[in-house]
Amino acid sequence: MYQSDPFNPFNPVKRRETFDLLNVVGALLATLVVWPWRAVTNRWPVIAYVPDDPEGNLQMHRTAPMRRAQAKAVARDWAEHIRRYGEPPAQ
C-alpha cells in the first residue's frame, strides 16, 4: 500500500494546513502595505463582527473610512453600545 510523505506540503492531508499557512502569510504581507497606507492617508474604517447564530456565522458592521480621531471615537461609542445591547448601533 502507498504511504504518503507526511512532510510533503502537497500531501492531501497537509493541503488544508498549507492553505491556512498561506492565508496567514498573505494577510501579514497585506498588513505591511495597508496599515502604513492608512496611516499616511489618515483614513481608518471601524468594523465590528457580531455572531448572529449558534453556528458562529458573523455579521459585519462597517463604517466608511474616516479620520483616525473620529474612528477612535466611533469605536468607543460602538463598544459601549455593544456592552449595553449586544450589537453595534443601527446605521
PDB file of N, CA and C in Angstrom:
ATOM      1  N   MET A   1       0.830  -1.173   0.000  1.00  0.00           N
ATOM      2  CA  MET A   1       0.000   0.000   0.000  1.00  0.00           C
ATOM      3  C   MET A   1       0.884   1.250   0.000  1.00  0.00           C
ATOM      4  N   TYR A   2       0.436   2.285  -0.689  1.00  0.00           N
ATOM      5  CA  TYR A   2       1.185   3.533  -0.828  1.00  0.00           C
ATOM      6  C   TYR A   2       1.088   4.347   0.452  1.00  0.00           C
ATOM      7  N   GLN A   3       2.222   4.807   0.950  1.00  0.00           N
ATOM      8  CA  GLN A   3       2.232   5.714   2.095  1.00  0.00           C
ATOM      9  C   GLN A   3       2.715   7.074   1.615  1.00  0.00           C
ATOM     10  N   SER A   4       1.949   8.090   1.953  1.00  0.00           N
ATOM     11  CA  SER A   4       2.347   9.432   1.520  1.00  0.00           C
ATOM     12  C   SER A   4       3.341  10.023   2.503  1.00  0.00           C
ATOM     13  N   ASP A   5       4.149  10.905   1.995  1.00  0.00           N
ATOM     14  CA  ASP A   5       5.165  11.568   2.806  1.00  0.00           C
ATOM     15  C   ASP A   5       4.484  12.622   3.681  1.00  0.00           C
ATOM     16  N   PRO A   6       4.562  12.524   5.013  1.00  0.00           N
ATOM     17  CA  PRO A   6       3.879  13.493   5.874  1.00  0.00           C
ATOM     18  C   PRO A   6       4.486  14.891   5.824  1.00  0.00           C
ATOM     19  N   PHE A   7       5.678  15.040   5.260  1.00  0.00           N
ATOM     20  CA  PHE A   7       6.323  16.347   5.197  1.00  0.00           C
ATOM     21  C   PHE A   7       6.111  17.037   3.853  1.00  0.00           C
ATOM     22  N   ASN A   8       5.440  16.386   2.929  1.00  0.00           N
ATOM     23  CA  ASN A   8       5.142  16.961   1.625  1.00  0.00           C
ATOM     24  C   ASN A   8       3.995  17.963   1.777  1.00  0.00           C
ATOM     25  N   PRO A   9       4.189  19.252   1.479  1.00  0.00           N
ATOM     26  CA  PRO A   9       3.115  20.233   1.672  1.00  0.00           C
ATOM     27  C   PRO A   9       1.929  20.019   0.739  1.00  0.00           C
ATOM     28  N   PHE A  10       2.104  19.232  -0.331  1.00  0.00           N
ATOM     29  CA  PHE A  10       1.011  18.986  -1.258  1.00  0.00           C
ATOM     30  C   PHE A  10       0.310  17.665  -0.983  1.00  0.00           C
ATOM     31  N   ASN A  11       0.684  17.013   0.104  1.00  0.00           N
ATOM     32  CA  ASN A  11       0.000  15.816   0.558  1.00  0.00           C
ATOM     33  C   ASN A  11      -1.445  16.210   0.877  1.00  0.00           C
ATOM     34  N   PRO A  12      -2.437  15.402   0.439  1.00  0.00           N
ATOM     35  CA  PRO A  12      -3.836  15.779   0.701  1.00  0.00           C
ATOM     36  C   PRO A  12      -4.132  16.041   2.176  1.00  0.00           C
ATOM     37  N   VAL A  13      -3.450  15.345   3.052  1.00  0.00           N
ATOM     38  CA  VAL A  13      -3.672  15.559   4.482  1.00  0.00           C
ATOM     39  C   VAL A  13      -3.134  16.926   4.903  1.00  0.00           C
ATOM     40  N   LYS A  14      -2.031  17.350   4.316  1.00  0.00           N
ATOM     41  CA  LYS A  14      -1.395  18.621   4.677  1.00  0.00           C
ATOM     42  C   LYS A  14      -1.895  19.795   3.841  1.00  0.00           C
ATOM     43  N   ARG A  15      -2.691  19.525   2.830  1.00  0.00           N
ATOM     44  CA  ARG A  15      -3.121  20.589   1.916  1.00  0.00           C
ATOM     45  C   ARG A  15      -3.860  21.699   2.654  1.00  0.00           C
ATOM     46  N   ARG A  16      -4.744  21.340   3.578  1.00  0.00           N
ATOM     47  CA  ARG A  16      -5.507  22.344   4.324  1.00  0.00           C
ATOM     48  C   ARG A  16      -4.572  23.190   5.202  1.00  0.00           C
ATOM     49  N   GLU A  17      -3.619  22.548   5.843  1.00  0.00           N
ATOM     50  CA  GLU A  17      -2.676  23.278   6.684  1.00  0.00           C
ATOM     51  C   GLU A  17      -1.825  24.234   5.848  1.00  0.00           C
ATOM     52  N   THR A  18      -1.426  23.788   4.666  1.00  0.00           N
ATOM     53  CA  THR A  18      -0.651  24.640   3.767  1.00  0.00           C
ATOM     54  C   THR A  18      -1.487  25.840   3.333  1.00  0.00           C
ATOM     55  N   PHE A  19      -2.762  25.603   3.003  1.00  0.00           N
ATOM     56  CA  PHE A  19      -3.670  26.678   2.600  1.00  0.00           C
ATOM     57  C   PHE A  19      -3.824  27.691   3.734  1.00  0.00           C
ATOM     58  N   ASP A  20      -4.028  27.210   4.961  1.00  0.00           N
ATOM     59  CA  ASP A  20      -4.170  28.104   6.107  1.00  0.00           C
ATOM     60  C   ASP A  20      -2.899  28.921   6.330  1.00  0.00           C
ATOM     61  N   LEU A  21      -1.754  28.287   6.205  1.00  0.00           N
ATOM     62  CA  LEU A  21      -0.488  28.989   6.379  1.00  0.00           C
ATOM     63  C   LEU A  21      -0.320  30.085   5.326  1.00  0.00           C
ATOM     64  N   LEU A  22      -0.644  29.778   4.080  1.00  0.00           N
ATOM     65  CA  LEU A  22      -0.532  30.780   3.021  1.00  0.00           C
ATOM     66  C   LEU A  22      -1.501  31.942   3.248  1.00  0.00           C
ATOM     67  N   ASN A  23      -2.686  31.659   3.783  1.00  0.00           N
ATOM     68  CA  ASN A  23      -3.633  32.738   4.107  1.00  0.00           C
ATOM     69  C   ASN A  23      -3.076  33.664   5.173  1.00  0.00           C
ATOM     70  N   VAL A  24      -2.477  33.093   6.203  1.00  0.00           N
ATOM     71  CA  VAL A  24      -1.904  33.905   7.278  1.00  0.00           C
ATOM     72  C   VAL A  24      -0.745  34.744   6.749  1.00  0.00           C
ATOM     73  N   VAL A  25       0.132  34.139   5.973  1.00  0.00           N
ATOM     74  CA  VAL A  25       1.267  34.875   5.408  1.00  0.00           C
ATOM     75  C   VAL A  25       0.774  35.984   4.485  1.00  0.00           C
ATOM     76  N   GLY A  26      -0.242  35.689   3.664  1.00  0.00           N
ATOM     77  CA  GLY A  26      -0.812  36.706   2.779  1.00  0.00           C
ATOM     78  C   GLY A  26      -1.416  37.870   3.556  1.00  0.00           C
ATOM     79  N   ALA A  27      -2.114  37.567   4.644  1.00  0.00           N
ATOM     80  CA  ALA A  27      -2.703  38.626   5.472  1.00  0.00           C
ATOM     81  C   ALA A  27      -1.615  39.487   6.107  1.00  0.00           C
ATOM     82  N   LEU A  28      -0.546  38.858   6.576  1.00  0.00           N
ATOM     83  CA  LEU A  28       0.545  39.631   7.170  1.00  0.00           C
ATOM     84  C   LEU A  28       1.231  40.520   6.135  1.00  0.00           C
ATOM     85  N   LEU A  29       1.436  39.995   4.931  1.00  0.00           N
ATOM     86  CA  LEU A  29       2.045  40.803   3.875  1.00  0.00           C
ATOM     87  C   LEU A  29       1.143  41.967   3.475  1.00  0.00           C
ATOM     88  N   ALA A  30      -0.174  41.719   3.404  1.00  0.00           N
ATOM     89  CA  ALA A  30      -1.109  42.800   3.080  1.00  0.00           C
ATOM     90  C   ALA A  30      -1.090  43.866   4.170  1.00  0.00           C
ATOM     91  N   THR A  31      -0.955  43.443   5.418  1.00  0.00           N
ATOM     92  CA  THR A  31      -0.898  44.392   6.526  1.00  0.00           C
ATOM     93  C   THR A  31       0.305  45.313   6.400  1.00  0.00           C
ATOM     94  N   LEU A  32       1.425  44.789   5.903  1.00  0.00           N
ATOM     95  CA  LEU A  32       2.623  45.614   5.716  1.00  0.00           C
ATOM     96  C   LEU A  32       2.385  46.751   4.721  1.00  0.00           C
ATOM     97  N   VAL A  33       1.424  46.581   3.820  1.00  0.00           N
ATOM     98  CA  VAL A  33       1.119  47.610   2.828  1.00  0.00           C
ATOM     99  C   VAL A  33      -0.036  48.492   3.291  1.00  0.00           C
ATOM    100  N   VAL A  34      -1.111  47.857   3.769  1.00  0.00           N
ATOM    101  CA  VAL A  34      -2.340  48.590   4.067  1.00  0.00           C
ATOM    102  C   VAL A  34      -2.198  49.486   5.293  1.00  0.00           C
ATOM    103  N   TRP A  35      -1.586  48.999   6.347  1.00  0.00           N
ATOM    104  CA  TRP A  35      -1.508  49.786   7.575  1.00  0.00           C
ATOM    105  C   TRP A  35      -0.715  51.080   7.393  1.00  0.00           C
ATOM    106  N   PRO A  36       0.472  51.035   6.795  1.00  0.00           N
ATOM    107  CA  PRO A  36       1.173  52.311   6.549  1.00  0.00           C
ATOM    108  C   PRO A  36       0.404  53.236   5.602  1.00  0.00           C
ATOM    109  N   TRP A  37      -0.271  52.665   4.595  1.00  0.00           N
ATOM    110  CA  TRP A  37      -1.059  53.483   3.674  1.00  0.00           C
ATOM    111  C   TRP A  37      -2.172  54.204   4.433  1.00  0.00           C
ATOM    112  N   ARG A  38      -2.843  53.487   5.333  1.00  0.00           N
ATOM    113  CA  ARG A  38      -3.898  54.127   6.132  1.00  0.00           C
ATOM    114  C   ARG A  38      -3.320  55.213   7.039  1.00  0.00           C
ATOM    115  N   ALA A  39      -2.136  54.973   7.598  1.00  0.00           N
ATOM    116  CA  ALA A  39      -1.511  55.967   8.468  1.00  0.00           C
ATOM    117  C   ALA A  39      -1.149  57.233   7.694  1.00  0.00           C
ATOM    118  N   VAL A  40      -0.653  57.078   6.469  1.00  0.00           N
ATOM    119  CA  VAL A  40      -0.266  58.236   5.653  1.00  0.00           C
ATOM    120  C   VAL A  40      -1.494  59.007   5.191  1.00  0.00           C
ATOM    121  N   THR A  41      -2.534  58.308   4.759  1.00  0.00           N
ATOM    122  CA  THR A  41      -3.734  58.975   4.262  1.00  0.00           C
ATOM    123  C   THR A  41      -4.702  59.359   5.377  1.00  0.00           C
ATOM    124  N   ASN A  42      -4.463  58.833   6.595  1.00  0.00           N
ATOM    125  CA  ASN A  42      -5.319  59.092   7.756  1.00  0.00           C
ATOM    126  C   ASN A  42      -6.767  58.721   7.477  1.00  0.00           C
ATOM    127  N   ARG A  43      -6.975  57.545   6.898  1.00  0.00           N
ATOM    128  CA  ARG A  43      -8.313  57.040   6.592  1.00  0.00           C
ATOM    129  C   ARG A  43      -8.458  55.674   7.250  1.00  0.00           C
ATOM    130  N   TRP A  44      -9.325  55.563   8.270  1.00  0.00           N
ATOM    131  CA  TRP A  44      -9.480  54.340   9.053  1.00  0.00           C
ATOM    132  C   TRP A  44     -10.949  53.942   9.095  1.00  0.00           C
ATOM    133  N   PRO A  45     -11.296  52.699   8.740  1.00  0.00           N
ATOM    134  CA  PRO A  45     -12.676  52.238   8.928  1.00  0.00           C
ATOM    135  C   PRO A  45     -12.865  51.718  10.345  1.00  0.00           C
ATOM    136  N   VAL A  46     -14.102  51.642  10.788  1.00  0.00           N
ATOM    137  CA  VAL A  46     -14.443  50.986  12.053  1.00  0.00           C
ATOM    138  C   VAL A  46     -15.276  49.770  11.683  1.00  0.00           C
ATOM    139  N   ILE A  47     -14.864  48.595  12.166  1.00  0.00           N
ATOM    140  CA  ILE A  47     -15.524  47.342  11.802  1.00  0.00           C
ATOM    141  C   ILE A  47     -15.847  46.575  13.073  1.00  0.00           C
ATOM    142  N   ALA A  48     -17.077  46.054  13.159  1.00  0.00           N
ATOM    143  CA  ALA A  48     -17.479  45.200  14.276  1.00  0.00           C
ATOM    144  C   ALA A  48     -18.056  43.910  13.688  1.00  0.00           C
ATOM    145  N   TYR A  49     -17.612  42.782  14.222  1.00  0.00           N
ATOM    146  CA  TYR A  49     -18.134  41.482  13.818  1.00  0.00           C
ATOM    147  C   TYR A  49     -19.023  40.968  14.936  1.00  0.00           C
ATOM    148  N   VAL A  50     -20.276  40.634  14.601  1.00  0.00           N
ATOM    149  CA  VAL A  50     -21.236  40.183  15.600  1.00  0.00           C
ATOM    150  C   VAL A  50     -21.708  38.780  15.231  1.00  0.00           C
ATOM    151  N   PRO A  51     -21.579  37.813  16.154  1.00  0.00           N
ATOM    152  CA  PRO A  51     -22.121  36.481  15.864  1.00  0.00           C
ATOM    153  C   PRO A  51     -23.639  36.582  15.754  1.00  0.00           C
ATOM    154  N   ASP A  52     -24.209  36.035  14.673  1.00  0.00           N
ATOM    155  CA  ASP A  52     -25.660  36.176  14.507  1.00  0.00           C
ATOM    156  C   ASP A  52     -26.415  34.856  14.572  1.00  0.00           C
ATOM    157  N   ASP A  53     -25.756  33.748  14.805  1.00  0.00           N
ATOM    158  CA  ASP A  53     -26.475  32.491  15.001  1.00  0.00           C
ATOM    159  C   ASP A  53     -25.594  31.486  15.737  1.00  0.00           C
ATOM    160  N   PRO A  54     -26.177  30.395  16.231  1.00  0.00           N
ATOM    161  CA  PRO A  54     -25.409  29.420  17.011  1.00  0.00           C
ATOM    162  C   PRO A  54     -24.283  28.736  16.234  1.00  0.00           C
ATOM    163  N   GLU A  55     -24.358  28.709  14.896  1.00  0.00           N
ATOM    164  CA  GLU A  55     -23.297  28.085  14.102  1.00  0.00           C
ATOM    165  C   GLU A  55     -22.041  28.935  14.049  1.00  0.00           C
ATOM    166  N   GLY A  56     -22.100  30.154  14.541  1.00  0.00           N
ATOM    167  CA  GLY A  56     -20.918  31.008  14.582  1.00  0.00           C
ATOM    168  C   GLY A  56     -20.754  31.908  13.378  1.00  0.00           C
ATOM    169  N   ASN A  57     -21.765  32.021  12.526  1.00  0.00           N
ATOM    170  CA  ASN A  57     -21.676  32.963  11.405  1.00  0.00           C
ATOM    171  C   ASN A  57     -21.588  34.382  11.959  1.00  0.00           C
ATOM    172  N   LEU A  58     -20.854  35.215  11.258  1.00  0.00           N
ATOM    173  CA  LEU A  58     -20.645  36.577  11.720  1.00  0.00           C
ATOM    174  C   LEU A  58     -21.336  37.579  10.813  1.00  0.00           C
ATOM    175  N   GLN A  59     -21.887  38.592  11.432  1.00  0.00           N
ATOM    176  CA  GLN A  59     -22.462  39.712  10.693  1.00  0.00           C
ATOM    177  C   GLN A  59     -21.488  40.869  10.855  1.00  0.00           C
ATOM    178  N   MET A  60     -21.123  41.517   9.756  1.00  0.00           N
ATOM    179  CA  MET A  60     -20.140  42.585   9.807  1.00  0.00           C
ATOM    180  C   MET A  60     -20.839  43.945   9.728  1.00  0.00           C
ATOM    181  N   HIS A  61     -20.477  44.832  10.633  1.00  0.00           N
ATOM    182  CA  HIS A  61     -20.912  46.227  10.610  1.00  0.00           C
ATOM    183  C   HIS A  61     -19.672  47.057  10.337  1.00  0.00           C
ATOM    184  N   ARG A  62     -19.748  47.937   9.348  1.00  0.00           N
ATOM    185  CA  ARG A  62     -18.563  48.686   8.929  1.00  0.00           C
ATOM    186  C   ARG A  62     -18.945  50.119   8.586  1.00  0.00           C
ATOM    187  N   THR A  63     -18.036  51.032   8.907  1.00  0.00           N
ATOM    188  CA  THR A  63     -18.225  52.428   8.516  1.00  0.00           C
ATOM    189  C   THR A  63     -17.334  52.719   7.306  1.00  0.00           C
ATOM    190  N   ALA A  64     -17.601  53.826   6.678  1.00  0.00           N
ATOM    191  CA  ALA A  64     -16.697  54.303   5.634  1.00  0.00           C
ATOM    192  C   ALA A  64     -15.420  54.785   6.319  1.00  0.00           C
ATOM    193  N   PRO A  65     -14.273  54.770   5.633  1.00  0.00           N
ATOM    194  CA  PRO A  65     -13.043  55.280   6.256  1.00  0.00           C
ATOM    195  C   PRO A  65     -13.200  56.737   6.688  1.00  0.00           C
ATOM    196  N   MET A  66     -12.604  57.045   7.836  1.00  0.00           N
ATOM    197  CA  MET A  66     -12.683  58.400   8.393  1.00  0.00           C
ATOM    198  C   MET A  66     -11.359  58.728   9.066  1.00  0.00           C
ATOM    199  N   ARG A  67     -11.214  59.943   9.532  1.00  0.00           N
ATOM    200  CA  ARG A  67     -10.004  60.363  10.237  1.00  0.00           C
ATOM    201  C   ARG A  67      -9.806  59.504  11.478  1.00  0.00           C
ATOM    202  N   ARG A  68      -8.545  59.331  11.882  1.00  0.00           N
ATOM    203  CA  ARG A  68      -8.230  58.422  12.989  1.00  0.00           C
ATOM    204  C   ARG A  68      -8.916  58.814  14.296  1.00  0.00           C
ATOM    205  N   ALA A  69      -8.906  60.085  14.649  1.00  0.00           N
ATOM    206  CA  ALA A  69      -9.544  60.526  15.897  1.00  0.00           C
ATOM    207  C   ALA A  69     -11.041  60.234  15.876  1.00  0.00           C
ATOM    208  N   GLN A  70     -11.672  60.491  14.734  1.00  0.00           N
ATOM    209  CA  GLN A  70     -13.101  60.218  14.602  1.00  0.00           C
ATOM    210  C   GLN A  70     -13.365  58.710  14.680  1.00  0.00           C
ATOM    211  N   ALA A  71     -12.508  57.897  14.050  1.00  0.00           N
ATOM    212  CA  ALA A  71     -12.665  56.448  14.086  1.00  0.00           C
ATOM    213  C   ALA A  71     -12.531  55.915  15.508  1.00  0.00           C
ATOM    214  N   LYS A  72     -11.581  56.475  16.272  1.00  0.00           N
ATOM    215  CA  LYS A  72     -11.426  56.058  17.673  1.00  0.00           C
ATOM    216  C   LYS A  72     -12.676  56.398  18.482  1.00  0.00           C
ATOM    217  N   ALA A  73     -13.249  57.580  18.253  1.00  0.00           N
ATOM    218  CA  ALA A  73     -14.459  57.972  18.973  1.00  0.00           C
ATOM    219  C   ALA A  73     -15.624  57.052  18.615  1.00  0.00           C
ATOM    220  N   VAL A  74     -15.771  56.744  17.335  1.00  0.00           N
ATOM    221  CA  VAL A  74     -16.841  55.833  16.901  1.00  0.00           C
ATOM    222  C   VAL A  74     -16.629  54.450  17.508  1.00  0.00           C
ATOM    223  N   ALA A  75     -15.390  53.971  17.540  1.00  0.00           N
ATOM    224  CA  ALA A  75     -15.104  52.661  18.126  1.00  0.00           C
ATOM    225  C   ALA A  75     -15.463  52.637  19.608  1.00  0.00           C
ATOM    226  N   ARG A  76     -15.159  53.715  20.334  1.00  0.00           N
ATOM    227  CA  ARG A  76     -15.531  53.779  21.762  1.00  0.00           C
ATOM    228  C   ARG A  76     -17.048  53.780  21.929  1.00  0.00           C
ATOM    229  N   ASP A  77     -17.749  54.555  21.077  1.00  0.00           N
ATOM    230  CA  ASP A  77     -19.219  54.593  21.141  1.00  0.00           C
ATOM    231  C   ASP A  77     -19.809  53.224  20.843  1.00  0.00           C
ATOM    232  N   TRP A  78     -19.293  52.565  19.809  1.00  0.00           N
ATOM    233  CA  TRP A  78     -19.786  51.231  19.453  1.00  0.00           C
ATOM    234  C   TRP A  78     -19.521  50.241  20.580  1.00  0.00           C
ATOM    235  N   ALA A  79     -18.336  50.316  21.196  1.00  0.00           N
ATOM    236  CA  ALA A  79     -18.002  49.384  22.279  1.00  0.00           C
ATOM    237  C   ALA A  79     -18.993  49.544  23.429  1.00  0.00           C
ATOM    238  N   GLU A  80     -19.315  50.766  23.775  1.00  0.00           N
ATOM    239  CA  GLU A  80     -20.285  50.996  24.850  1.00  0.00           C
ATOM    240  C   GLU A  80     -21.668  50.486  24.453  1.00  0.00           C
ATOM    241  N   HIS A  81     -22.076  50.748  23.217  1.00  0.00           N
ATOM    242  CA  HIS A  81     -23.385  50.290  22.743  1.00  0.00           C
ATOM    243  C   HIS A  81     -23.440  48.762  22.714  1.00  0.00           C
ATOM    244  N   ILE A  82     -22.365  48.127  22.287  1.00  0.00           N
ATOM    245  CA  ILE A  82     -22.318  46.657  22.249  1.00  0.00           C
ATOM    246  C   ILE A  82     -22.368  46.093  23.670  1.00  0.00           C
ATOM    247  N   ARG A  83     -21.674  46.721  24.615  1.00  0.00           N
ATOM    248  CA  ARG A  83     -21.735  46.265  26.009  1.00  0.00           C
ATOM    249  C   ARG A  83     -23.159  46.319  26.548  1.00  0.00           C
ATOM    250  N   ARG A  84     -23.887  47.371  26.191  1.00  0.00           N
ATOM    251  CA  ARG A  84     -25.249  47.529  26.700  1.00  0.00           C
ATOM    252  C   ARG A  84     -26.276  46.657  25.980  1.00  0.00           C
ATOM    253  N   TYR A  85     -26.200  46.609  24.650  1.00  0.00           N
ATOM    254  CA  TYR A  85     -27.264  45.986  23.871  1.00  0.00           C
ATOM    255  C   TYR A  85     -26.853  44.712  23.113  1.00  0.00           C
ATOM    256  N   GLY A  86     -25.565  44.397  23.113  1.00  0.00           N
ATOM    257  CA  GLY A  86     -25.101  43.173  22.468  1.00  0.00           C
ATOM    258  C   GLY A  86     -24.888  43.262  20.976  1.00  0.00           C
ATOM    259  N   GLU A  87     -25.040  44.448  20.395  1.00  0.00           N
ATOM    260  CA  GLU A  87     -24.811  44.630  18.959  1.00  0.00           C
ATOM    261  C   GLU A  87     -24.457  46.082  18.682  1.00  0.00           C
ATOM    262  N   PRO A  88     -23.798  46.353  17.540  1.00  0.00           N
ATOM    263  CA  PRO A  88     -23.475  47.748  17.210  1.00  0.00           C
ATOM    264  C   PRO A  88     -24.739  48.527  16.885  1.00  0.00           C
ATOM    265  N   PRO A  89     -24.697  49.837  16.976  1.00  0.00           N
ATOM    266  CA  PRO A  89     -25.865  50.630  16.653  1.00  0.00           C
ATOM    267  C   PRO A  89     -26.263  50.486  15.180  1.00  0.00           C
ATOM    268  N   ALA A  90     -27.545  50.636  14.923  1.00  0.00           N
ATOM    269  CA  ALA A  90     -28.034  50.564  13.542  1.00  0.00           C
ATOM    270  C   ALA A  90     -27.462  51.715  12.742  1.00  0.00           C
ATOM    271  N   GLN A  91     -27.177  51.454  11.481  1.00  0.00           N
ATOM    272  CA  GLN A  91     -26.577  52.501  10.648  1.00  0.00           C
ATOM    273  C   GLN A  91     -27.599  53.144   9.757  1.00  0.00           C
TER     274      GLN A  91
END
